[in-house]
Amino acid sequence: MGFLQRLKDDLRAGVATLRLGTVHAAGRALEETELLRMRLELRKLDRQLSDLYKDIGERAVDMKERGETAERVVYDAGIVRLVKEVEMLKESRRKLDVEMEEIRNEQ
């Protein structure tokens, strides 16, 4: 009967180890999925930043070509609004980077 008892105990230990491994794998998959979502969000923010930089540059060049002074270009309401959008997007990107780093450090 000792053999059957050891076999039963070994099976229980094996099942417990399997469950623990499954829980760990599921948790890891969730972390990786969240990191992927965040990377996609970073790409989206980078695209938006690139578009804003392009818009700022085009507006500045158009104004300069029309003979506006550099000071008027810098303080133009449209450019100021776009720069504020850039600052907001950069802050969002920085927060997302911090969140991603926290998730990586948990691993």
Protein backbone atom coordinates (compact mmCIF):
# COMPACT_ATOMS: atom_id res chain seq x y z
CA MET A 1 0.00 0.00 0.00
CA GLY A 2 2.99 2.34 0.50
CA PHE A 3 3.68 2.36 -3.23
CA LEU A 4 0.11 3.46 -4.04
CA GLN A 5 0.25 6.18 -1.40
CA ARG A 6 3.53 7.54 -2.82
CA LEU A 7 2.09 7.43 -6.32
CA LYS A 8 -1.00 9.31 -5.14
CA ASP A 9 1.14 11.93 -3.38
CA ASP A 10 3.37 12.32 -6.44
CA LEU A 11 0.33 12.80 -8.66
CA ARG A 12 -1.07 15.46 -6.33
CA ALA A 13 2.26 17.26 -6.25
CA GLY A 14 2.47 17.08 -10.05
CA VAL A 15 -1.05 18.48 -10.47
CA ALA A 16 -0.27 21.30 -8.03
CA THR A 17 2.91 22.15 -9.94
CA LEU A 18 0.99 22.08 -13.22
CA ARG A 19 -1.66 24.45 -11.83
CA LEU A 20 1.00 26.83 -10.55
CA GLY A 21 2.74 26.79 -13.93
CA THR A 22 -0.55 27.43 -15.71
CA VAL A 23 -1.34 30.40 -13.46
CA HIS A 24 2.15 31.80 -14.02
CA ALA A 25 1.87 31.37 -17.81
CA ALA A 26 -1.56 33.02 -17.87
CA GLY A 27 -0.27 35.97 -15.84
CA ARG A 28 2.72 36.35 -18.10
CA ALA A 29 0.48 36.26 -21.18
CA LEU A 30 -1.66 39.05 -19.72
CA GLU A 31 1.43 41.16 -19.03
CA GLU A 32 2.72 40.65 -22.55
CA THR A 33 -0.69 41.49 -24.01
CA GLU A 34 -0.77 44.70 -21.99
CA LEU A 35 2.75 45.60 -23.13
CA LEU A 36 1.75 45.03 -26.75
CA ARG A 37 -1.29 47.27 -26.33
CA MET A 38 0.95 49.94 -24.84
CA ARG A 39 3.50 49.65 -27.66
CA LEU A 40 0.71 50.13 -30.19
CA GLU A 41 -0.47 53.18 -28.26
CA LEU A 42 3.10 54.55 -28.32
CA ARG A 43 3.21 54.16 -32.08
CA LYS A 44 -0.09 56.01 -32.37
CA LEU A 45 1.23 58.85 -30.19
CA ASP A 46 4.46 58.99 -32.22
CA ARG A 47 2.45 59.25 -35.45
CA GLN A 48 0.36 62.07 -33.98
CA LEU A 49 3.50 63.87 -32.83
CA SER A 50 5.04 63.53 -36.26
CA ASP A 51 1.92 64.97 -37.88
CA LEU A 52 1.88 67.89 -35.45
CA TYR A 53 5.57 68.63 -36.08
CA LYS A 54 4.86 68.61 -39.80
CA ASP A 55 1.88 70.97 -39.36
CA ILE A 56 3.95 73.36 -37.21
CA GLY A 57 6.76 73.39 -39.77
CA GLU A 58 4.44 73.95 -42.72
CA ARG A 59 2.65 76.80 -40.96
CA ALA A 60 5.94 78.43 -39.95
CA VAL A 61 7.35 78.20 -43.47
CA ASP A 62 4.13 79.56 -45.00
CA MET A 63 4.16 82.51 -42.63
CA LYS A 64 7.84 83.21 -43.28
CA GLU A 65 7.27 83.04 -47.05
CA ARG A 66 4.47 85.62 -46.65
CA GLY A 67 7.02 87.94 -45.05
CA GLU A 68 6.03 87.52 -41.41
CA THR A 69 8.73 88.26 -38.86
CA ALA A 70 10.24 85.42 -36.83
CA GLU A 71 8.62 86.84 -33.70
CA ARG A 72 5.15 86.77 -35.29
CA VAL A 73 5.77 83.17 -36.41
CA VAL A 74 6.76 82.11 -32.89
CA TYR A 75 3.75 83.77 -31.26
CA ASP A 76 1.21 82.79 -33.92
CA ALA A 77 -1.98 81.45 -32.29
CA GLY A 78 -2.11 78.42 -34.57
CA ILE A 79 1.48 77.46 -33.86
CA VAL A 80 1.05 78.02 -30.13
CA ARG A 81 -2.02 75.75 -30.15
CA LEU A 82 -0.13 73.03 -32.02
CA VAL A 83 2.83 73.30 -29.64
CA LYS A 84 0.46 72.84 -26.67
CA GLU A 85 -0.91 69.70 -28.34
CA VAL A 86 2.66 68.44 -28.78
CA GLU A 87 3.36 69.03 -25.09
CA MET A 88 0.20 67.11 -24.09
CA LEU A 89 1.08 64.19 -26.34
CA LYS A 90 4.64 64.11 -25.02
CA GLU A 91 3.31 63.96 -21.46
CA SER A 92 0.96 61.11 -22.41
CA ARG A 93 3.87 59.29 -24.02
CA ARG A 94 6.04 59.77 -20.94
CA LYS A 95 3.31 58.37 -18.67
CA LEU A 96 2.90 55.37 -20.96
CA ASP A 97 6.67 54.77 -20.89
CA VAL A 98 6.60 54.82 -17.08
CA GLU A 99 3.69 52.33 -16.99
CA MET A 100 5.50 50.01 -19.39
CA GLU A 101 8.66 50.16 -17.29
CA GLU A 102 6.66 49.30 -14.17
CA ILE A 103 5.19 46.24 -15.88
CA ARG A 104 8.64 45.15 -17.07
CA ASN A 105 10.07 45.57 -13.57
CA GLU A 106 7.33 43.36 -12.07
CA GLN A 107 8.49 40.44 -14.20
